[in-house]
Amino acid sequence: MTSGVKNRTRQAIIDAAIDLLAGNPACSLGDIAAAAQVGRTTLHRYFAERADLLAAVSAEGGERLVRAATLADLERGTGAEALLRLCREYFDLGSLLSLMFAGQGGECWESQDEGGLLRVIERGRADGSIDPALPPDWVLALLWSQLYAAWEYRAQRQDASRHHVLDLLTRTLSNALRPPSS
């Protein structure tokens, strides 16, 4: 059994790795140690090799994606409502998803059930909350691109609150997904 301090230190290293690697996939282990406020020796006690740390980042990423999907309760409401709830949950995973998009997320994409998202999109197309003329893979690409746009916007605009950017994101997606008026 590991102690609370060991768990917190390990988690601090993983969190720092996610944040730094998302911005610079080539950052050094020394940079990660400094961001986690531990010495490099301490980092190596937890993760002997860079590959060990990347595996832990991947596992953490998978857990966060599953947790976000669970919190979004994808089975409730219309397909569009479920996707918008998922966007709100994913918004706070910006560094992790940026890391994954850069190809640094390892196996955590496997935890991201794209088939489940496609089923939600199909449900939305069937229930009329998502324009049936939009192919499911297009809707999925739209979801990821708008999440990326929201993260970038918030990073560039220091005055933009989380709440404001989430409102912009969900408004944009709602309007893009909505079937045209008859």
Protein backbone atom coordinates (compact mmCIF):
# COMPACT_ATOMS: atom_id res chain seq x y z
CA MET A 1 0.00 0.00 0.00
CA THR A 2 1.34 3.42 -0.92
CA SER A 3 1.03 6.43 1.32
CA GLY A 4 -1.01 9.53 0.58
CA VAL A 5 2.18 11.56 0.16
CA LYS A 6 3.53 9.09 -2.41
CA ASN A 7 0.24 9.13 -4.29
CA ARG A 8 0.15 12.94 -4.29
CA THR A 9 3.76 13.16 -5.48
CA ARG A 10 3.14 10.64 -8.25
CA GLN A 11 -0.02 12.49 -9.30
CA ALA A 12 1.81 15.85 -9.27
CA ILE A 13 4.44 14.42 -11.62
CA ILE A 14 1.79 13.01 -13.98
CA ASP A 15 -0.21 16.26 -13.96
CA ALA A 16 2.93 18.29 -14.68
CA ALA A 17 3.85 15.92 -17.50
CA ILE A 18 0.41 16.28 -19.09
CA ASP A 19 0.55 20.08 -18.93
CA LEU A 20 4.12 20.42 -20.18
CA LEU A 21 4.05 17.71 -22.84
CA ALA A 22 0.88 19.20 -24.32
CA GLY A 23 2.78 22.41 -25.03
CA ASN A 24 6.15 20.85 -25.83
CA PRO A 25 6.31 17.09 -26.48
CA ALA A 26 10.11 17.27 -26.30
CA CYS A 27 10.28 18.88 -22.85
CA SER A 28 12.85 17.36 -20.54
CA LEU A 29 12.21 15.22 -17.48
CA GLY A 30 14.00 17.96 -15.54
CA ASP A 31 11.37 20.46 -16.69
CA ILE A 32 8.61 18.08 -15.62
CA ALA A 33 10.26 17.53 -12.24
CA ALA A 34 10.55 21.28 -11.71
CA ALA A 35 6.90 21.85 -12.66
CA ALA A 36 5.87 19.10 -10.23
CA GLN A 37 8.06 20.74 -7.57
CA VAL A 38 10.16 17.62 -7.06
CA GLY A 39 13.78 16.84 -7.76
CA ARG A 40 14.81 14.87 -10.78
CA THR A 41 15.92 12.02 -8.52
CA THR A 42 12.43 11.89 -7.03
CA LEU A 43 10.89 11.78 -10.49
CA HIS A 44 13.16 8.84 -11.38
CA ARG A 45 12.14 7.02 -8.21
CA TYR A 46 8.57 7.02 -9.50
CA PHE A 47 9.35 6.68 -13.21
CA ALA A 48 12.71 5.12 -14.02
CA GLU A 49 12.45 5.90 -17.74
CA ARG A 50 10.63 8.47 -19.84
CA ALA A 51 8.60 5.59 -21.31
CA ASP A 52 7.35 4.70 -17.81
CA LEU A 53 6.13 8.26 -17.31
CA LEU A 54 4.46 8.31 -20.74
CA ALA A 55 2.70 5.03 -19.90
CA ALA A 56 1.41 6.57 -16.67
CA VAL A 57 0.25 9.67 -18.58
CA SER A 58 -1.58 7.41 -21.02
CA ALA A 59 -3.28 5.47 -18.21
CA GLU A 60 -4.26 8.70 -16.47
CA GLY A 61 -5.60 10.05 -19.74
CA GLY A 62 -7.76 6.98 -20.23
CA GLU A 63 -9.18 7.32 -16.72
CA ARG A 64 -9.97 11.00 -17.25
CA LEU A 65 -11.72 10.32 -20.56
CA VAL A 66 -13.85 7.57 -19.04
CA ARG A 67 -14.68 9.80 -16.06
CA ALA A 68 -15.68 12.67 -18.37
CA ALA A 69 -17.97 10.41 -20.41
CA THR A 70 -19.52 9.03 -17.22
CA LEU A 71 -20.16 12.54 -15.88
CA ALA A 72 -21.69 13.56 -19.22
CA ASP A 73 -24.27 10.76 -18.84
CA LEU A 74 -24.36 10.10 -22.57
CA GLU A 75 -27.50 7.93 -22.38
CA ARG A 76 -29.67 10.79 -21.06
CA GLY A 77 -31.58 13.24 -23.25
CA THR A 78 -31.24 13.86 -26.94
CA GLY A 79 -28.09 13.08 -28.87
CA ALA A 80 -27.24 16.78 -29.18
CA GLU A 81 -27.76 17.37 -25.45
CA ALA A 82 -25.44 14.45 -24.65
CA LEU A 83 -22.72 15.77 -26.99
CA LEU A 84 -22.95 19.23 -25.45
CA ARG A 85 -22.63 17.78 -21.95
CA LEU A 86 -19.58 15.83 -23.12
CA CYS A 87 -18.06 19.04 -24.53
CA ARG A 88 -18.42 20.68 -21.14
CA GLU A 89 -16.65 17.75 -19.49
CA TYR A 90 -13.95 17.54 -22.15
CA PHE A 91 -13.30 21.29 -22.03
CA ASP A 92 -11.47 20.90 -18.74
CA LEU A 93 -9.25 18.20 -20.27
CA GLY A 94 -7.64 20.65 -22.68
CA SER A 95 -4.00 19.76 -21.97
CA LEU A 96 -4.68 16.04 -22.05
CA LEU A 97 -6.60 16.18 -25.31
CA SER A 98 -4.01 18.50 -26.87
CA LEU A 99 -1.39 15.93 -25.93
CA MET A 100 -3.47 13.17 -27.50
CA PHE A 101 -4.02 15.16 -30.70
CA ALA A 102 -0.26 15.62 -30.96
CA GLY A 103 0.13 11.83 -30.89
CA GLN A 104 1.65 11.83 -27.40
CA GLY A 105 -1.30 10.34 -25.53
CA GLY A 106 -0.30 6.74 -26.08
CA GLU A 107 -3.04 4.22 -25.55
CA CYS A 108 -5.50 6.55 -23.81
CA TRP A 109 -7.36 7.03 -27.11
CA GLU A 110 -8.50 3.44 -26.65
CA SER A 111 -10.41 4.52 -23.54
CA GLN A 112 -12.12 7.21 -25.58
CA ASP A 113 -15.01 5.18 -26.99
CA GLU A 114 -15.39 6.77 -30.40
CA GLY A 115 -17.96 4.11 -31.26
CA GLY A 116 -20.01 5.27 -28.28
CA LEU A 117 -19.82 8.85 -29.52
CA LEU A 118 -20.90 7.77 -32.97
CA ARG A 119 -23.92 6.01 -31.40
CA VAL A 120 -24.80 9.24 -29.57
CA ILE A 121 -24.56 11.13 -32.86
CA GLU A 122 -26.75 8.55 -34.61
CA ARG A 123 -29.26 8.86 -31.77
CA GLY A 124 -29.28 12.63 -32.28
CA ARG A 125 -29.82 12.23 -35.99
CA ALA A 126 -32.73 9.85 -35.27
CA ASP A 127 -34.31 12.03 -32.57
CA GLY A 128 -34.05 15.18 -34.70
CA SER A 129 -31.62 17.06 -32.47
CA ILE A 130 -28.73 16.67 -34.96
CA ASP A 131 -29.15 17.47 -38.64
CA PRO A 132 -29.39 14.09 -40.39
CA ALA A 133 -27.57 15.55 -43.41
CA LEU A 134 -24.40 15.78 -41.29
CA PRO A 135 -22.40 12.54 -41.48
CA PRO A 136 -21.46 11.18 -38.02
CA ASP A 137 -17.72 11.40 -38.71
CA TRP A 138 -18.21 15.05 -39.71
CA VAL A 139 -20.01 15.75 -36.43
CA LEU A 140 -17.17 14.07 -34.54
CA ALA A 141 -14.58 16.16 -36.41
CA LEU A 142 -16.67 19.27 -35.67
CA LEU A 143 -16.75 18.41 -31.96
CA TRP A 144 -12.94 18.04 -31.77
CA SER A 145 -12.22 21.12 -33.87
CA GLN A 146 -14.53 23.31 -31.82
CA LEU A 147 -13.03 22.04 -28.56
CA TYR A 148 -9.59 22.90 -29.92
CA ALA A 149 -10.80 26.35 -31.00
CA ALA A 150 -12.23 26.95 -27.52
CA TRP A 151 -8.95 25.96 -25.79
CA GLU A 152 -6.92 28.15 -28.11
CA TYR A 153 -9.29 31.08 -27.69
CA ARG A 154 -9.09 30.85 -23.93
CA ALA A 155 -5.29 30.54 -24.02
CA GLN A 156 -5.00 33.64 -26.24
CA ARG A 157 -7.58 35.73 -24.40
CA GLN A 158 -6.58 36.14 -20.79
CA ASP A 159 -9.78 38.10 -20.14
CA ALA A 160 -12.00 35.24 -21.38
CA SER A 161 -13.51 33.35 -18.47
CA ARG A 162 -14.06 29.61 -18.53
CA HIS A 163 -17.81 30.20 -18.35
CA HIS A 164 -17.77 32.60 -21.31
CA VAL A 165 -15.70 30.29 -23.52
CA LEU A 166 -17.88 27.30 -22.64
CA ASP A 167 -20.93 29.35 -23.59
CA LEU A 168 -19.33 30.20 -26.94
CA LEU A 169 -18.43 26.57 -27.52
CA THR A 170 -21.86 25.14 -26.72
CA ARG A 171 -23.66 27.91 -28.64
CA THR A 172 -21.50 27.28 -31.72
CA LEU A 173 -22.00 23.52 -31.58
CA SER A 174 -25.73 23.81 -30.90
CA ASN A 175 -26.19 26.00 -33.95
CA ALA A 176 -23.95 23.82 -36.13
CA LEU A 177 -25.73 20.58 -35.18
CA ARG A 178 -29.31 21.87 -35.36
CA PRO A 179 -31.33 20.74 -38.37
CA PRO A 180 -32.36 23.61 -40.66
CA SER A 181 -35.78 25.16 -40.08
CA SER A 182 -38.49 23.99 -42.43
